[in-house]
């Protein structure tokens, strides 16, 4: 693999990510929310009643960072917290109806972009893309992501 090919791949990732997040960023901006809010909404939507500890594991952010973002989403009525049925100290997260509506807007825009790209690239490219993305991750993250994807189907 040449340095030129590697640089090309890096630039493609940069520009694809920039455009991938542009529409969700536009939707979130008037609410005063950013990408951290988007990620939290996305993963809680995929896994209702997700424990806070699991979300910290997925997002790899500090408790302090999560607390700020989660607090905003709870105060503004997008996320609900309930106590765990066995361990009352455990906090389980789910989206409110308002949160589900926002998350549908955000993911709908992203899903449409991914669907267009998949259709344009073809089935073989979709599988190759998944392999490349998984291999960009550390082994531990790859296992976590594969489990996360399997759990969310």
N, C-alpha and C. Protein backbone atom coordinates (compact mmCIF):
# COMPACT_ATOMS: atom_id res chain seq x y z
N UNK A 1 0.86 -1.17 0.00
CA UNK A 1 0.00 0.00 0.00
C UNK A 1 0.91 1.24 0.00
N UNK A 2 0.68 2.12 -0.92
CA UNK A 2 1.54 3.31 -1.02
C UNK A 2 1.05 4.41 -0.07
N UNK A 3 1.95 5.33 0.22
CA UNK A 3 1.59 6.46 1.06
C UNK A 3 0.46 7.26 0.42
N UNK A 4 0.50 7.40 -0.89
CA UNK A 4 -0.58 8.12 -1.61
C UNK A 4 -1.94 7.44 -1.37
N UNK A 5 -1.98 6.11 -1.47
CA UNK A 5 -3.24 5.38 -1.25
C UNK A 5 -3.73 5.54 0.20
N UNK A 6 -2.79 5.50 1.14
CA UNK A 6 -3.14 5.68 2.55
C UNK A 6 -3.68 7.09 2.80
N UNK A 7 -3.01 8.09 2.24
CA UNK A 7 -3.48 9.48 2.39
C UNK A 7 -4.86 9.64 1.76
N UNK A 8 -5.05 9.02 0.61
CA UNK A 8 -6.36 9.08 -0.05
C UNK A 8 -7.44 8.49 0.86
N UNK A 9 -7.17 7.34 1.46
CA UNK A 9 -8.13 6.72 2.37
C UNK A 9 -8.43 7.62 3.56
N UNK A 10 -7.39 8.25 4.11
CA UNK A 10 -7.59 9.14 5.25
C UNK A 10 -8.44 10.35 4.86
N UNK A 11 -8.16 10.91 3.70
CA UNK A 11 -8.95 12.06 3.23
C UNK A 11 -10.39 11.67 2.96
N UNK A 12 -10.58 10.49 2.38
CA UNK A 12 -11.95 10.03 2.14
C UNK A 12 -12.72 9.89 3.45
N UNK A 13 -12.08 9.34 4.46
CA UNK A 13 -12.73 9.23 5.77
C UNK A 13 -13.08 10.60 6.33
N UNK A 14 -12.13 11.52 6.24
CA UNK A 14 -12.37 12.86 6.77
C UNK A 14 -13.57 13.52 6.09
N UNK A 15 -13.56 13.54 4.76
CA UNK A 15 -14.63 14.23 4.03
C UNK A 15 -15.97 13.49 4.15
N UNK A 16 -15.93 12.17 4.17
CA UNK A 16 -17.18 11.41 4.34
C UNK A 16 -17.78 11.69 5.71
N UNK A 17 -16.95 11.70 6.74
CA UNK A 17 -17.46 11.97 8.09
C UNK A 17 -18.04 13.39 8.18
N UNK A 18 -17.34 14.34 7.62
CA UNK A 18 -17.81 15.72 7.62
C UNK A 18 -19.21 15.81 7.02
N UNK A 19 -19.40 15.17 5.88
CA UNK A 19 -20.70 15.24 5.22
C UNK A 19 -21.74 14.36 5.92
N UNK A 20 -21.30 13.25 6.49
CA UNK A 20 -22.20 12.35 7.20
C UNK A 20 -22.85 13.03 8.40
N UNK A 21 -22.10 13.87 9.11
CA UNK A 21 -22.64 14.52 10.32
C UNK A 21 -23.28 15.88 10.04
N UNK A 22 -23.17 16.37 8.82
CA UNK A 22 -23.65 17.73 8.52
C UNK A 22 -25.15 17.89 8.75
N UNK A 23 -25.97 16.98 8.25
CA UNK A 23 -27.42 17.10 8.42
C UNK A 23 -27.83 16.93 9.89
N UNK A 24 -27.35 15.91 10.60
CA UNK A 24 -27.66 15.84 12.03
C UNK A 24 -27.20 17.08 12.80
N UNK A 25 -26.01 17.60 12.47
CA UNK A 25 -25.53 18.83 13.13
C UNK A 25 -26.51 19.98 12.90
N UNK A 26 -27.03 20.09 11.68
CA UNK A 26 -27.98 21.15 11.34
C UNK A 26 -29.26 21.00 12.16
N UNK A 27 -29.71 19.77 12.36
CA UNK A 27 -30.93 19.51 13.14
C UNK A 27 -30.70 19.82 14.61
N UNK A 28 -29.53 19.49 15.12
CA UNK A 28 -29.22 19.65 16.55
C UNK A 28 -28.91 21.09 16.95
N UNK A 29 -28.33 21.87 16.05
CA UNK A 29 -27.85 23.21 16.39
C UNK A 29 -28.92 24.10 17.03
N UNK A 30 -30.13 24.20 16.48
CA UNK A 30 -31.13 25.08 17.11
C UNK A 30 -31.52 24.65 18.53
N UNK A 31 -31.27 23.38 18.84
CA UNK A 31 -31.59 22.87 20.18
C UNK A 31 -30.45 23.10 21.16
N UNK A 32 -29.31 23.56 20.64
CA UNK A 32 -28.14 23.73 21.49
C UNK A 32 -27.43 22.42 21.78
N UNK A 33 -27.68 21.41 20.96
CA UNK A 33 -27.07 20.09 21.13
C UNK A 33 -25.98 19.88 20.09
N UNK A 34 -25.10 18.92 20.39
CA UNK A 34 -24.01 18.61 19.48
C UNK A 34 -23.89 17.12 19.25
N UNK A 35 -22.73 16.72 18.77
CA UNK A 35 -22.52 15.33 18.39
C UNK A 35 -22.56 14.36 19.56
N UNK A 36 -22.16 14.80 20.73
CA UNK A 36 -22.24 13.92 21.90
C UNK A 36 -23.70 13.59 22.21
N UNK A 37 -24.57 14.57 22.07
CA UNK A 37 -26.00 14.34 22.28
C UNK A 37 -26.53 13.35 21.24
N UNK A 38 -26.07 13.53 20.00
CA UNK A 38 -26.49 12.66 18.91
C UNK A 38 -26.09 11.22 19.20
N UNK A 39 -24.85 11.00 19.60
CA UNK A 39 -24.39 9.64 19.87
C UNK A 39 -25.19 9.01 21.01
N UNK A 40 -25.44 9.77 22.05
CA UNK A 40 -26.20 9.25 23.18
C UNK A 40 -27.61 8.87 22.72
N UNK A 41 -28.28 9.73 22.00
CA UNK A 41 -29.62 9.44 21.50
C UNK A 41 -29.61 8.20 20.61
N UNK A 42 -28.62 8.10 19.74
CA UNK A 42 -28.54 6.97 18.82
C UNK A 42 -28.46 5.64 19.58
N UNK A 43 -27.51 5.54 20.52
CA UNK A 43 -27.31 4.26 21.20
C UNK A 43 -28.43 3.93 22.17
N UNK A 44 -29.00 4.92 22.82
CA UNK A 44 -30.13 4.64 23.71
C UNK A 44 -31.34 4.20 22.89
N UNK A 45 -31.52 4.77 21.70
CA UNK A 45 -32.62 4.34 20.82
C UNK A 45 -32.44 2.88 20.40
N UNK A 46 -31.23 2.48 20.12
CA UNK A 46 -30.99 1.10 19.69
C UNK A 46 -31.16 0.11 20.84
N UNK A 47 -30.95 0.58 22.08
CA UNK A 47 -30.96 -0.31 23.25
C UNK A 47 -31.72 0.33 24.40
N UNK A 48 -33.05 0.34 24.32
CA UNK A 48 -33.83 0.93 25.43
C UNK A 48 -33.50 0.25 26.76
N UNK A 49 -33.58 1.03 27.82
CA UNK A 49 -33.24 0.58 29.17
C UNK A 49 -31.76 0.22 29.30
N UNK A 50 -30.95 0.93 28.54
CA UNK A 50 -29.50 0.73 28.59
C UNK A 50 -28.96 1.29 29.91
N UNK A 51 -28.16 0.49 30.63
CA UNK A 51 -27.52 1.03 31.84
C UNK A 51 -26.50 2.11 31.48
N UNK A 52 -26.37 3.09 32.34
CA UNK A 52 -25.40 4.16 32.13
C UNK A 52 -24.00 3.59 31.96
N UNK A 53 -23.66 2.57 32.73
CA UNK A 53 -22.32 1.96 32.64
C UNK A 53 -22.06 1.41 31.24
N UNK A 54 -23.05 0.83 30.63
CA UNK A 54 -22.89 0.29 29.26
C UNK A 54 -22.67 1.43 28.27
N UNK A 55 -23.40 2.52 28.44
CA UNK A 55 -23.24 3.67 27.56
C UNK A 55 -21.83 4.26 27.68
N UNK A 56 -21.31 4.33 28.90
CA UNK A 56 -19.93 4.81 29.10
C UNK A 56 -18.94 3.91 28.37
N UNK A 57 -19.17 2.61 28.41
CA UNK A 57 -18.30 1.65 27.73
C UNK A 57 -18.33 1.87 26.21
N UNK A 58 -19.50 2.11 25.67
CA UNK A 58 -19.65 2.30 24.23
C UNK A 58 -19.03 3.62 23.78
N UNK A 59 -19.38 4.70 24.46
CA UNK A 59 -18.96 6.03 24.03
C UNK A 59 -17.52 6.38 24.39
N UNK A 60 -16.97 5.67 25.38
CA UNK A 60 -15.61 5.93 25.84
C UNK A 60 -15.41 7.40 26.19
N UNK A 61 -16.31 7.90 27.01
CA UNK A 61 -16.19 9.26 27.52
C UNK A 61 -16.19 9.19 29.04
N UNK A 62 -15.80 10.28 29.68
CA UNK A 62 -15.75 10.30 31.14
C UNK A 62 -17.17 10.40 31.70
N UNK A 63 -17.31 10.00 32.95
CA UNK A 63 -18.60 10.14 33.63
C UNK A 63 -19.03 11.60 33.65
N UNK A 64 -18.06 12.49 33.82
CA UNK A 64 -18.34 13.92 33.86
C UNK A 64 -18.92 14.40 32.53
N UNK A 65 -18.32 13.99 31.42
CA UNK A 65 -18.83 14.38 30.10
C UNK A 65 -20.22 13.80 29.87
N UNK A 66 -20.40 12.53 30.21
CA UNK A 66 -21.71 11.91 30.03
C UNK A 66 -22.75 12.59 30.91
N UNK A 67 -22.37 12.92 32.11
CA UNK A 67 -23.30 13.56 33.04
C UNK A 67 -23.83 14.88 32.49
N UNK A 68 -22.95 15.66 31.89
CA UNK A 68 -23.37 16.95 31.33
C UNK A 68 -24.36 16.74 30.19
N UNK A 69 -24.01 15.89 29.24
CA UNK A 69 -24.86 15.65 28.06
C UNK A 69 -26.16 14.97 28.48
N UNK A 70 -26.06 13.95 29.30
CA UNK A 70 -27.25 13.24 29.75
C UNK A 70 -28.16 14.16 30.54
N UNK A 71 -27.59 14.98 31.41
CA UNK A 71 -28.38 15.92 32.19
C UNK A 71 -29.18 16.86 31.31
N UNK A 72 -28.56 17.36 30.25
CA UNK A 72 -29.27 18.25 29.32
C UNK A 72 -30.43 17.52 28.64
N UNK A 73 -30.18 16.29 28.22
CA UNK A 73 -31.23 15.54 27.52
C UNK A 73 -32.37 15.13 28.45
N UNK A 74 -32.05 14.87 29.71
CA UNK A 74 -33.10 14.55 30.69
C UNK A 74 -33.90 15.81 31.01
N UNK A 75 -33.20 16.92 31.30
CA UNK A 75 -33.89 18.18 31.65
C UNK A 75 -34.80 18.69 30.53
N UNK A 76 -34.41 18.46 29.29
CA UNK A 76 -35.19 18.95 28.16
C UNK A 76 -36.21 17.93 27.67
N UNK A 77 -36.30 16.79 28.35
CA UNK A 77 -37.36 15.84 28.07
C UNK A 77 -37.12 14.88 26.92
N UNK A 78 -35.87 14.63 26.55
CA UNK A 78 -35.56 13.70 25.47
C UNK A 78 -35.21 12.30 25.97
N UNK A 79 -34.69 12.22 27.19
CA UNK A 79 -34.27 10.95 27.77
C UNK A 79 -34.89 10.81 29.15
N UNK A 80 -35.30 9.57 29.45
CA UNK A 80 -35.83 9.25 30.79
C UNK A 80 -34.86 8.30 31.48
N UNK A 81 -34.74 8.45 32.79
CA UNK A 81 -33.91 7.56 33.60
C UNK A 81 -34.81 6.83 34.59
N UNK A 82 -34.60 5.54 34.70
CA UNK A 82 -35.31 4.77 35.73
C UNK A 82 -34.29 3.97 36.52
N UNK A 83 -34.69 3.55 37.70
CA UNK A 83 -33.81 2.74 38.53
C UNK A 83 -33.89 1.29 38.08
N UNK A 84 -32.76 0.59 38.22
CA UNK A 84 -32.72 -0.83 37.86
C UNK A 84 -33.66 -1.64 38.72
N UNK A 85 -34.25 -2.70 38.19
CA UNK A 85 -35.22 -3.50 38.95
C UNK A 85 -34.58 -4.27 40.10
N UNK A 86 -33.32 -4.65 39.97
CA UNK A 86 -32.63 -5.41 41.01
C UNK A 86 -31.75 -4.49 41.83
N UNK A 87 -30.87 -3.78 41.15
CA UNK A 87 -29.97 -2.83 41.80
C UNK A 87 -30.54 -1.43 41.62
N UNK A 88 -31.11 -0.88 42.67
CA UNK A 88 -31.78 0.43 42.60
C UNK A 88 -30.79 1.57 42.33
N UNK A 89 -29.48 1.31 42.50
CA UNK A 89 -28.48 2.34 42.18
C UNK A 89 -28.24 2.43 40.68
N UNK A 90 -28.55 1.37 39.97
CA UNK A 90 -28.35 1.34 38.52
C UNK A 90 -29.35 2.29 37.85
N UNK A 91 -28.85 3.08 36.88
CA UNK A 91 -29.73 3.98 36.12
C UNK A 91 -29.88 3.43 34.71
N UNK A 92 -31.12 3.21 34.32
CA UNK A 92 -31.43 2.71 32.99
C UNK A 92 -31.96 3.87 32.15
N UNK A 93 -31.52 3.94 30.91
CA UNK A 93 -31.86 5.06 30.04
C UNK A 93 -32.78 4.60 28.91
N UNK A 94 -33.75 5.43 28.60
CA UNK A 94 -34.61 5.20 27.44
C UNK A 94 -35.01 6.56 26.90
N UNK A 95 -35.44 6.56 25.64
CA UNK A 95 -35.89 7.80 25.03
C UNK A 95 -37.36 8.03 25.33
N UNK A 96 -37.69 9.27 25.56
CA UNK A 96 -39.09 9.66 25.68
C UNK A 96 -39.65 9.73 24.25
N UNK A 97 -40.95 9.98 24.13
CA UNK A 97 -41.53 10.14 22.79
C UNK A 97 -40.84 11.29 22.06
N UNK A 98 -40.56 12.36 22.79
CA UNK A 98 -39.86 13.51 22.20
C UNK A 98 -38.46 13.10 21.74
N UNK A 99 -37.78 12.30 22.53
CA UNK A 99 -36.45 11.81 22.18
C UNK A 99 -36.48 10.88 20.98
N UNK A 100 -37.51 10.03 20.92
CA UNK A 100 -37.66 9.12 19.78
C UNK A 100 -37.88 9.91 18.50
N UNK A 101 -38.68 10.95 18.57
CA UNK A 101 -38.92 11.77 17.38
C UNK A 101 -37.64 12.42 16.89
N UNK A 102 -36.86 13.00 17.82
CA UNK A 102 -35.60 13.63 17.42
C UNK A 102 -34.63 12.61 16.86
N UNK A 103 -34.51 11.48 17.52
CA UNK A 103 -33.58 10.45 17.07
C UNK A 103 -33.98 9.93 15.68
N UNK A 104 -35.27 9.80 15.42
CA UNK A 104 -35.74 9.37 14.10
C UNK A 104 -35.33 10.37 13.02
N UNK A 105 -35.43 11.65 13.33
CA UNK A 105 -34.99 12.68 12.38
C UNK A 105 -33.49 12.55 12.10
N UNK A 106 -32.72 12.43 13.17
CA UNK A 106 -31.27 12.36 13.03
C UNK A 106 -30.84 11.10 12.28
N UNK A 107 -31.35 9.96 12.70
CA UNK A 107 -30.96 8.70 12.06
C UNK A 107 -31.57 8.56 10.67
N UNK A 108 -32.73 9.13 10.47
CA UNK A 108 -33.34 9.09 9.14
C UNK A 108 -32.46 9.76 8.11
N UNK A 109 -31.93 10.91 8.46
CA UNK A 109 -31.03 11.63 7.55
C UNK A 109 -29.77 10.81 7.28
N UNK A 110 -29.22 10.22 8.33
CA UNK A 110 -28.00 9.43 8.19
C UNK A 110 -28.27 8.14 7.41
N UNK A 111 -29.38 7.48 7.72
CA UNK A 111 -29.72 6.24 7.03
C UNK A 111 -29.90 6.47 5.53
N UNK A 112 -30.54 7.57 5.18
CA UNK A 112 -30.76 7.89 3.77
C UNK A 112 -29.41 8.09 3.06
N UNK A 113 -28.48 8.76 3.71
CA UNK A 113 -27.16 8.99 3.11
C UNK A 113 -26.43 7.66 2.93
N UNK A 114 -26.46 6.81 3.95
CA UNK A 114 -25.78 5.51 3.86
C UNK A 114 -26.44 4.64 2.78
N UNK A 115 -27.76 4.66 2.73
CA UNK A 115 -28.47 3.87 1.72
C UNK A 115 -28.08 4.30 0.30
N UNK A 116 -28.01 5.61 0.06
CA UNK A 116 -27.60 6.11 -1.25
C UNK A 116 -26.19 5.64 -1.59
N UNK A 117 -25.30 5.73 -0.62
CA UNK A 117 -23.91 5.31 -0.84
C UNK A 117 -23.83 3.81 -1.10
N UNK A 118 -24.55 3.02 -0.34
CA UNK A 118 -24.55 1.57 -0.53
C UNK A 118 -25.08 1.21 -1.92
N UNK A 119 -26.19 1.83 -2.31
CA UNK A 119 -26.77 1.53 -3.63
C UNK A 119 -25.78 1.89 -4.74
N UNK A 120 -25.14 3.04 -4.61
CA UNK A 120 -24.20 3.49 -5.63
C UNK A 120 -22.96 2.60 -5.70
N UNK A 121 -22.51 2.10 -4.55
CA UNK A 121 -21.27 1.31 -4.51
C UNK A 121 -21.49 -0.16 -4.85
N UNK A 122 -22.67 -0.69 -4.57
CA UNK A 122 -22.94 -2.10 -4.85
C UNK A 122 -22.69 -2.99 -3.65
N UNK A 123 -23.28 -4.19 -3.70
CA UNK A 123 -23.26 -5.13 -2.57
C UNK A 123 -21.85 -5.54 -2.15
N UNK A 124 -20.98 -5.79 -3.11
CA UNK A 124 -19.61 -6.20 -2.75
C UNK A 124 -18.89 -5.10 -1.98
N UNK A 125 -19.11 -3.87 -2.37
CA UNK A 125 -18.46 -2.74 -1.70
C UNK A 125 -18.97 -2.58 -0.28
N UNK A 126 -20.24 -2.89 -0.05
CA UNK A 126 -20.81 -2.75 1.30
C UNK A 126 -20.09 -3.68 2.26
N UNK A 127 -19.89 -4.93 1.86
CA UNK A 127 -19.19 -5.87 2.71
C UNK A 127 -17.74 -5.44 2.93
N UNK A 128 -17.10 -4.97 1.87
CA UNK A 128 -15.72 -4.50 1.98
C UNK A 128 -15.60 -3.29 2.90
N UNK A 129 -16.56 -2.38 2.79
CA UNK A 129 -16.58 -1.20 3.66
C UNK A 129 -16.67 -1.63 5.13
N UNK A 130 -17.56 -2.56 5.43
CA UNK A 130 -17.70 -3.03 6.81
C UNK A 130 -16.39 -3.64 7.30
N UNK A 131 -15.74 -4.42 6.47
CA UNK A 131 -14.46 -5.03 6.87
C UNK A 131 -13.39 -3.97 7.13
N UNK A 132 -13.33 -2.96 6.27
CA UNK A 132 -12.35 -1.88 6.47
C UNK A 132 -12.64 -1.15 7.78
N UNK A 133 -13.89 -0.77 8.00
CA UNK A 133 -14.23 -0.02 9.21
C UNK A 133 -13.92 -0.84 10.47
N UNK A 134 -14.27 -2.12 10.46
CA UNK A 134 -13.98 -2.97 11.62
C UNK A 134 -12.48 -3.09 11.85
N UNK A 135 -11.71 -3.14 10.79
CA UNK A 135 -10.26 -3.30 10.93
C UNK A 135 -9.55 -2.00 11.28
N UNK A 136 -10.24 -0.88 11.24
CA UNK A 136 -9.67 0.37 11.73
C UNK A 136 -9.72 0.44 13.26
N UNK A 137 -10.54 -0.41 13.87
CA UNK A 137 -10.74 -0.40 15.32
C UNK A 137 -9.72 -1.29 16.02
N UNK A 138 -9.53 -1.02 17.30
CA UNK A 138 -8.71 -1.92 18.12
C UNK A 138 -9.46 -3.25 18.25
N UNK A 139 -8.74 -4.30 18.62
CA UNK A 139 -9.39 -5.61 18.77
C UNK A 139 -10.53 -5.56 19.78
N UNK A 140 -10.29 -4.88 20.91
CA UNK A 140 -11.33 -4.78 21.93
C UNK A 140 -12.56 -4.04 21.43
N UNK A 141 -12.33 -2.94 20.74
CA UNK A 141 -13.46 -2.18 20.20
C UNK A 141 -14.19 -2.97 19.11
N UNK A 142 -13.44 -3.70 18.31
CA UNK A 142 -14.06 -4.48 17.25
C UNK A 142 -15.02 -5.51 17.86
N UNK A 143 -14.59 -6.18 18.92
CA UNK A 143 -15.47 -7.16 19.58
C UNK A 143 -16.70 -6.46 20.16
N UNK A 144 -16.48 -5.32 20.78
CA UNK A 144 -17.59 -4.54 21.35
C UNK A 144 -18.58 -4.13 20.26
N UNK A 145 -18.07 -3.62 19.17
CA UNK A 145 -18.92 -3.15 18.08
C UNK A 145 -19.66 -4.31 17.42
N UNK A 146 -18.97 -5.41 17.20
CA UNK A 146 -19.64 -6.57 16.61
C UNK A 146 -20.77 -7.06 17.51
N UNK A 147 -20.52 -7.08 18.82
CA UNK A 147 -21.57 -7.47 19.78
C UNK A 147 -22.71 -6.44 19.77
N UNK A 148 -22.35 -5.18 19.74
CA UNK A 148 -23.33 -4.09 19.72
C UNK A 148 -24.23 -4.20 18.49
N UNK A 149 -23.61 -4.44 17.34
CA UNK A 149 -24.37 -4.54 16.09
C UNK A 149 -25.28 -5.78 16.14
N UNK A 150 -24.76 -6.89 16.63
CA UNK A 150 -25.58 -8.10 16.73
C UNK A 150 -26.77 -7.90 17.67
N UNK A 151 -26.53 -7.20 18.80
CA UNK A 151 -27.60 -6.95 19.78
C UNK A 151 -28.68 -6.02 19.27
N UNK A 152 -28.35 -5.16 18.31
CA UNK A 152 -29.30 -4.13 17.90
C UNK A 152 -30.13 -4.52 16.68
N UNK A 153 -30.02 -5.74 16.23
CA UNK A 153 -30.79 -6.15 15.04
C UNK A 153 -32.20 -6.50 15.39
